[in-house]
């Protein structure tokens, strides 16, 4: 007879994601995870596999959630330029809010694990490509509406903005002078025309 799980797997996975996001993979112990998730080690292993598999599940959950968030932000205004400005300003604002700046879980993983763990290199690259597609769709919308130059290379521009976003997110972890960041974001977004 199959035994029913005595905990909410999605809530437990969300708790693990939050902990990994805050501390990183290496600094998060199994004891940290079981305490935060409110489950025993055998339950963790039965539901999610080992620590690496749990991390992968948490990263996939984050990537889905983050992609939906980015899509919503980019569709928040009829103006493509305003949508990008709103999105990039939100990234900056979050970094300067009172609490600890965790950055982007996916980018943190790209820095910590992708260089030596192929699965995380693949997953973070997939997320980068998905963001690039979202950015490209938004740029194409701007070209069709006449807000952006019809001759603009939407794919190259989208990829450039994704690279800029990644660099910005990593830089923000050190909380540089705000004017430095604001000026840089203005120049990044000037690429839109």
C-alpha atoms as a PDB file:
ATOM      1  CA  UNK A   1       0.000   0.000   0.000  1.00  0.00           C
ATOM      2  CA  UNK A   2       1.318   3.431  -0.951  1.00  0.00           C
ATOM      3  CA  UNK A   3       1.678   5.772   1.991  1.00  0.00           C
ATOM      4  CA  UNK A   4       0.356   9.304   1.507  1.00  0.00           C
ATOM      5  CA  UNK A   5       2.773  12.149   2.112  1.00  0.00           C
ATOM      6  CA  UNK A   6       2.094  13.944   5.365  1.00  0.00           C
ATOM      7  CA  UNK A   7       3.246  17.346   4.130  1.00  0.00           C
ATOM      8  CA  UNK A   8       2.487  19.760   1.317  1.00  0.00           C
ATOM      9  CA  UNK A   9       5.170  19.047  -1.291  1.00  0.00           C
ATOM     10  CA  UNK A  10       4.769  22.425  -3.035  1.00  0.00           C
ATOM     11  CA  UNK A  11       5.094  24.379   0.225  1.00  0.00           C
ATOM     12  CA  UNK A  12       8.115  22.322   1.214  1.00  0.00           C
ATOM     13  CA  UNK A  13       9.692  22.849  -2.217  1.00  0.00           C
ATOM     14  CA  UNK A  14       9.032  26.581  -1.957  1.00  0.00           C
ATOM     15  CA  UNK A  15      10.737  26.632   1.454  1.00  0.00           C
ATOM     16  CA  UNK A  16      13.754  24.810  -0.005  1.00  0.00           C
ATOM     17  CA  UNK A  17      13.846  27.240  -2.937  1.00  0.00           C
ATOM     18  CA  UNK A  18      13.844  30.228  -0.586  1.00  0.00           C
ATOM     19  CA  UNK A  19      16.675  28.736   1.478  1.00  0.00           C
ATOM     20  CA  UNK A  20      18.812  27.808  -1.542  1.00  0.00           C
ATOM     21  CA  UNK A  21      18.152  31.267  -2.982  1.00  0.00           C
ATOM     22  CA  UNK A  22      19.311  32.926   0.223  1.00  0.00           C
ATOM     23  CA  UNK A  23      22.341  30.755   1.011  1.00  0.00           C
ATOM     24  CA  UNK A  24      23.342  29.077  -2.251  1.00  0.00           C
ATOM     25  CA  UNK A  25      23.781  25.372  -2.883  1.00  0.00           C
ATOM     26  CA  UNK A  26      27.073  24.727  -1.099  1.00  0.00           C
ATOM     27  CA  UNK A  27      26.231  26.696   2.064  1.00  0.00           C
ATOM     28  CA  UNK A  28      22.866  24.966   2.539  1.00  0.00           C
ATOM     29  CA  UNK A  29      23.054  21.798   4.627  1.00  0.00           C
ATOM     30  CA  UNK A  30      20.558  18.959   4.737  1.00  0.00           C
ATOM     31  CA  UNK A  31      19.811  19.949   8.337  1.00  0.00           C
ATOM     32  CA  UNK A  32      19.040  23.502   7.152  1.00  0.00           C
ATOM     33  CA  UNK A  33      16.726  22.089   4.511  1.00  0.00           C
ATOM     34  CA  UNK A  34      14.799  19.686   6.729  1.00  0.00           C
ATOM     35  CA  UNK A  35      14.338  22.389   9.385  1.00  0.00           C
ATOM     36  CA  UNK A  36      13.127  24.981   6.862  1.00  0.00           C
ATOM     37  CA  UNK A  37      10.921  22.501   4.986  1.00  0.00           C
ATOM     38  CA  UNK A  38       9.520  21.000   8.193  1.00  0.00           C
ATOM     39  CA  UNK A  39      10.195  17.413   7.098  1.00  0.00           C
ATOM     40  CA  UNK A  40      12.528  14.556   7.991  1.00  0.00           C
ATOM     41  CA  UNK A  41      15.482  13.445   5.885  1.00  0.00           C
ATOM     42  CA  UNK A  42      13.750  10.223   4.793  1.00  0.00           C
ATOM     43  CA  UNK A  43      10.748  12.302   3.651  1.00  0.00           C
ATOM     44  CA  UNK A  44      13.043  14.684   1.768  1.00  0.00           C
ATOM     45  CA  UNK A  45      14.769  11.806  -0.017  1.00  0.00           C
ATOM     46  CA  UNK A  46      11.467  10.037  -0.778  1.00  0.00           C
ATOM     47  CA  UNK A  47       9.815  13.141  -2.208  1.00  0.00           C
ATOM     48  CA  UNK A  48      12.682  14.931  -3.960  1.00  0.00           C
ATOM     49  CA  UNK A  49      15.718  12.660  -4.172  1.00  0.00           C
ATOM     50  CA  UNK A  50      19.088  13.919  -2.974  1.00  0.00           C
ATOM     51  CA  UNK A  51      20.154  17.518  -2.321  1.00  0.00           C
ATOM     52  CA  UNK A  52      21.174  18.081  -5.940  1.00  0.00           C
ATOM     53  CA  UNK A  53      17.818  16.820  -7.244  1.00  0.00           C
ATOM     54  CA  UNK A  54      15.988  18.998  -4.720  1.00  0.00           C
ATOM     55  CA  UNK A  55      18.026  21.993  -5.850  1.00  0.00           C
ATOM     56  CA  UNK A  56      17.199  21.226  -9.477  1.00  0.00           C
ATOM     57  CA  UNK A  57      13.475  21.056  -8.644  1.00  0.00           C
ATOM     58  CA  UNK A  58      13.718  24.350  -6.754  1.00  0.00           C
ATOM     59  CA  UNK A  59      15.551  25.992  -9.660  1.00  0.00           C
ATOM     60  CA  UNK A  60      12.957  24.766 -12.161  1.00  0.00           C
ATOM     61  CA  UNK A  61      10.163  26.122  -9.921  1.00  0.00           C
ATOM     62  CA  UNK A  62      11.922  29.483  -9.693  1.00  0.00           C
ATOM     63  CA  UNK A  63      12.551  29.659 -13.450  1.00  0.00           C
ATOM     64  CA  UNK A  64       8.840  29.073 -14.211  1.00  0.00           C
ATOM     65  CA  UNK A  65       7.752  31.657 -11.667  1.00  0.00           C
ATOM     66  CA  UNK A  66      10.364  34.210 -12.753  1.00  0.00           C
ATOM     67  CA  UNK A  67       9.494  33.809 -16.433  1.00  0.00           C
ATOM     68  CA  UNK A  68       5.804  34.425 -15.681  1.00  0.00           C
ATOM     69  CA  UNK A  69       6.737  37.502 -13.638  1.00  0.00           C
ATOM     70  CA  UNK A  70       8.948  38.916 -16.417  1.00  0.00           C
ATOM     71  CA  UNK A  71       6.245  38.277 -19.033  1.00  0.00           C
ATOM     72  CA  UNK A  72       3.673  40.115 -16.897  1.00  0.00           C
ATOM     73  CA  UNK A  73       6.020  43.077 -16.320  1.00  0.00           C
ATOM     74  CA  UNK A  74       6.802  43.356 -20.023  1.00  0.00           C
ATOM     75  CA  UNK A  75       3.086  43.384 -20.803  1.00  0.00           C
ATOM     76  CA  UNK A  76       2.305  45.931 -18.074  1.00  0.00           C
ATOM     77  CA  UNK A  77       2.135  48.890 -20.441  1.00  0.00           C
ATOM     78  CA  UNK A  78       1.142  49.482 -24.029  1.00  0.00           C
ATOM     79  CA  UNK A  79       4.501  51.250 -24.402  1.00  0.00           C
ATOM     80  CA  UNK A  80       7.362  48.818 -24.925  1.00  0.00           C
ATOM     81  CA  UNK A  81       9.888  51.356 -23.661  1.00  0.00           C
ATOM     82  CA  UNK A  82       7.834  51.941 -20.502  1.00  0.00           C
ATOM     83  CA  UNK A  83       7.507  48.175 -19.971  1.00  0.00           C
ATOM     84  CA  UNK A  84      11.262  47.653 -20.156  1.00  0.00           C
ATOM     85  CA  UNK A  85      11.865  50.697 -17.951  1.00  0.00           C
ATOM     86  CA  UNK A  86       9.385  49.369 -15.392  1.00  0.00           C
ATOM     87  CA  UNK A  87      10.995  45.943 -15.398  1.00  0.00           C
ATOM     88  CA  UNK A  88      14.595  47.180 -15.079  1.00  0.00           C
ATOM     89  CA  UNK A  89      13.604  49.770 -12.448  1.00  0.00           C
ATOM     90  CA  UNK A  90      11.930  46.973 -10.479  1.00  0.00           C
ATOM     91  CA  UNK A  91      15.139  44.922 -10.526  1.00  0.00           C
ATOM     92  CA  UNK A  92      17.078  47.919  -9.205  1.00  0.00           C
ATOM     93  CA  UNK A  93      14.473  48.870  -6.581  1.00  0.00           C
ATOM     94  CA  UNK A  94      14.400  45.340  -5.210  1.00  0.00           C
ATOM     95  CA  UNK A  95      18.169  45.417  -4.737  1.00  0.00           C
ATOM     96  CA  UNK A  96      18.051  48.634  -2.715  1.00  0.00           C
ATOM     97  CA  UNK A  97      15.091  47.732  -0.506  1.00  0.00           C
ATOM     98  CA  UNK A  98      15.855  47.259   3.176  1.00  0.00           C
ATOM     99  CA  UNK A  99      16.449  43.504   3.332  1.00  0.00           C
ATOM    100  CA  UNK A 100      19.229  41.318   2.069  1.00  0.00           C
ATOM    101  CA  UNK A 101      19.647  41.423  -1.710  1.00  0.00           C
ATOM    102  CA  UNK A 102      19.380  37.809  -2.863  1.00  0.00           C
ATOM    103  CA  UNK A 103      19.606  38.693  -6.544  1.00  0.00           C
ATOM    104  CA  UNK A 104      18.188  36.280  -9.095  1.00  0.00           C
ATOM    105  CA  UNK A 105      18.225  32.616  -8.041  1.00  0.00           C
ATOM    106  CA  UNK A 106      18.919  31.538 -11.608  1.00  0.00           C
ATOM    107  CA  UNK A 107      21.838  33.955 -12.045  1.00  0.00           C
ATOM    108  CA  UNK A 108      23.217  32.987  -8.628  1.00  0.00           C
ATOM    109  CA  UNK A 109      23.143  29.366  -9.810  1.00  0.00           C
ATOM    110  CA  UNK A 110      24.823  30.325 -13.068  1.00  0.00           C
ATOM    111  CA  UNK A 111      27.694  31.851 -11.081  1.00  0.00           C
ATOM    112  CA  UNK A 112      27.947  29.193  -8.345  1.00  0.00           C
ATOM    113  CA  UNK A 113      27.245  25.896 -10.114  1.00  0.00           C
ATOM    114  CA  UNK A 114      27.064  26.215 -13.908  1.00  0.00           C
ATOM    115  CA  UNK A 115      30.858  26.258 -14.414  1.00  0.00           C
ATOM    116  CA  UNK A 116      31.203  22.732 -12.987  1.00  0.00           C
ATOM    117  CA  UNK A 117      27.729  21.142 -13.080  1.00  0.00           C
ATOM    118  CA  UNK A 118      26.411  20.533 -16.598  1.00  0.00           C
ATOM    119  CA  UNK A 119      22.748  20.246 -15.594  1.00  0.00           C
ATOM    120  CA  UNK A 120      22.859  23.717 -14.038  1.00  0.00           C
ATOM    121  CA  UNK A 121      24.704  25.153 -17.021  1.00  0.00           C
ATOM    122  CA  UNK A 122      21.903  23.806 -19.219  1.00  0.00           C
ATOM    123  CA  UNK A 123      19.059  24.999 -16.978  1.00  0.00           C
ATOM    124  CA  UNK A 124      20.456  28.503 -16.542  1.00  0.00           C
ATOM    125  CA  UNK A 125      21.190  28.779 -20.273  1.00  0.00           C
ATOM    126  CA  UNK A 126      17.597  27.706 -21.023  1.00  0.00           C
ATOM    127  CA  UNK A 127      16.320  30.437 -18.718  1.00  0.00           C
ATOM    128  CA  UNK A 128      18.543  33.015 -20.400  1.00  0.00           C
ATOM    129  CA  UNK A 129      17.222  31.949 -23.790  1.00  0.00           C
ATOM    130  CA  UNK A 130      13.633  32.103 -22.564  1.00  0.00           C
ATOM    131  CA  UNK A 131      14.166  35.630 -21.244  1.00  0.00           C
ATOM    132  CA  UNK A 132      15.698  36.531 -24.588  1.00  0.00           C
ATOM    133  CA  UNK A 133      12.565  35.264 -26.355  1.00  0.00           C
ATOM    134  CA  UNK A 134      10.337  37.309 -24.017  1.00  0.00           C
ATOM    135  CA  UNK A 135      12.452  40.402 -24.648  1.00  0.00           C
ATOM    136  CA  UNK A 136      12.432  39.752 -28.408  1.00  0.00           C
ATOM    137  CA  UNK A 137       8.638  39.354 -28.498  1.00  0.00           C
ATOM    138  CA  UNK A 138       8.303  42.641 -26.643  1.00  0.00           C
ATOM    139  CA  UNK A 139      10.683  44.404 -29.025  1.00  0.00           C
ATOM    140  CA  UNK A 140       8.797  42.971 -32.029  1.00  0.00           C
ATOM    141  CA  UNK A 141       5.588  44.364 -30.541  1.00  0.00           C
ATOM    142  CA  UNK A 142       7.253  47.778 -30.349  1.00  0.00           C
ATOM    143  CA  UNK A 143       8.403  47.519 -33.950  1.00  0.00           C
ATOM    144  CA  UNK A 144       4.888  46.597 -35.104  1.00  0.00           C
ATOM    145  CA  UNK A 145       3.311  49.496 -33.207  1.00  0.00           C
ATOM    146  CA  UNK A 146       5.842  51.948 -34.622  1.00  0.00           C
ATOM    147  CA  UNK A 147       7.257  52.789 -31.186  1.00  0.00           C
ATOM    148  CA  UNK A 148      10.609  51.189 -32.081  1.00  0.00           C
ATOM    149  CA  UNK A 149      12.603  51.440 -35.289  1.00  0.00           C
ATOM    150  CA  UNK A 150      11.312  48.871 -37.789  1.00  0.00           C
ATOM    151  CA  UNK A 151      14.903  48.163 -38.871  1.00  0.00           C
ATOM    152  CA  UNK A 152      16.042  47.208 -35.356  1.00  0.00           C
ATOM    153  CA  UNK A 153      17.458  43.692 -34.989  1.00  0.00           C
ATOM    154  CA  UNK A 154      15.035  42.431 -32.335  1.00  0.00           C
ATOM    155  CA  UNK A 155      16.932  39.219 -31.605  1.00  0.00           C
ATOM    156  CA  UNK A 156      20.334  40.896 -31.147  1.00  0.00           C
ATOM    157  CA  UNK A 157      18.804  43.690 -29.084  1.00  0.00           C
ATOM    158  CA  UNK A 158      16.982  41.189 -26.864  1.00  0.00           C
ATOM    159  CA  UNK A 159      20.142  39.156 -26.303  1.00  0.00           C
ATOM    160  CA  UNK A 160      22.081  42.328 -25.457  1.00  0.00           C
ATOM    161  CA  UNK A 161      19.444  43.343 -22.909  1.00  0.00           C
ATOM    162  CA  UNK A 162      19.557  39.872 -21.317  1.00  0.00           C
ATOM    163  CA  UNK A 163      23.344  40.084 -20.984  1.00  0.00           C
ATOM    164  CA  UNK A 164      22.935  43.586 -19.543  1.00  0.00           C
ATOM    165  CA  UNK A 165      20.339  42.283 -17.083  1.00  0.00           C
ATOM    166  CA  UNK A 166      22.636  39.484 -15.930  1.00  0.00           C
ATOM    167  CA  UNK A 167      25.537  41.870 -15.416  1.00  0.00           C
ATOM    168  CA  UNK A 168      23.289  44.347 -13.620  1.00  0.00           C
ATOM    169  CA  UNK A 169      21.906  41.672 -11.307  1.00  0.00           C
ATOM    170  CA  UNK A 170      25.372  40.445 -10.350  1.00  0.00           C
ATOM    171  CA  UNK A 171      26.612  44.011  -9.821  1.00  0.00           C
ATOM    172  CA  UNK A 172      23.623  44.888  -7.632  1.00  0.00           C
ATOM    173  CA  UNK A 173      24.637  42.247  -5.079  1.00  0.00           C
ATOM    174  CA  UNK A 174      27.400  44.657  -3.995  1.00  0.00           C
ATOM    175  CA  UNK A 175      24.952  47.626  -3.810  1.00  0.00           C
ATOM    176  CA  UNK A 176      27.020  50.138  -5.769  1.00  0.00           C
ATOM    177  CA  UNK A 177      26.238  53.843  -5.661  1.00  0.00           C
ATOM    178  CA  UNK A 178      22.665  54.281  -6.882  1.00  0.00           C
ATOM    179  CA  UNK A 179      23.512  56.985  -9.449  1.00  0.00           C
ATOM    180  CA  UNK A 180      26.042  54.622 -11.046  1.00  0.00           C
ATOM    181  CA  UNK A 181      23.319  52.011 -11.512  1.00  0.00           C
ATOM    182  CA  UNK A 182      20.588  54.421 -12.622  1.00  0.00           C
ATOM    183  CA  UNK A 183      22.853  55.989 -15.261  1.00  0.00           C
ATOM    184  CA  UNK A 184      23.837  52.552 -16.547  1.00  0.00           C
ATOM    185  CA  UNK A 185      20.215  51.400 -16.818  1.00  0.00           C
ATOM    186  CA  UNK A 186      19.329  54.554 -18.754  1.00  0.00           C
ATOM    187  CA  UNK A 187      22.137  53.853 -21.233  1.00  0.00           C
ATOM    188  CA  UNK A 188      21.137  50.170 -21.525  1.00  0.00           C
ATOM    189  CA  UNK A 189      17.554  51.102 -22.317  1.00  0.00           C
ATOM    190  CA  UNK A 190      18.658  53.767 -24.802  1.00  0.00           C
ATOM    191  CA  UNK A 191      19.465  50.837 -27.081  1.00  0.00           C
ATOM    192  CA  UNK A 192      15.726  50.614 -27.663  1.00  0.00           C
ATOM    193  CA  UNK A 193      15.930  53.959 -29.453  1.00  0.00           C
END
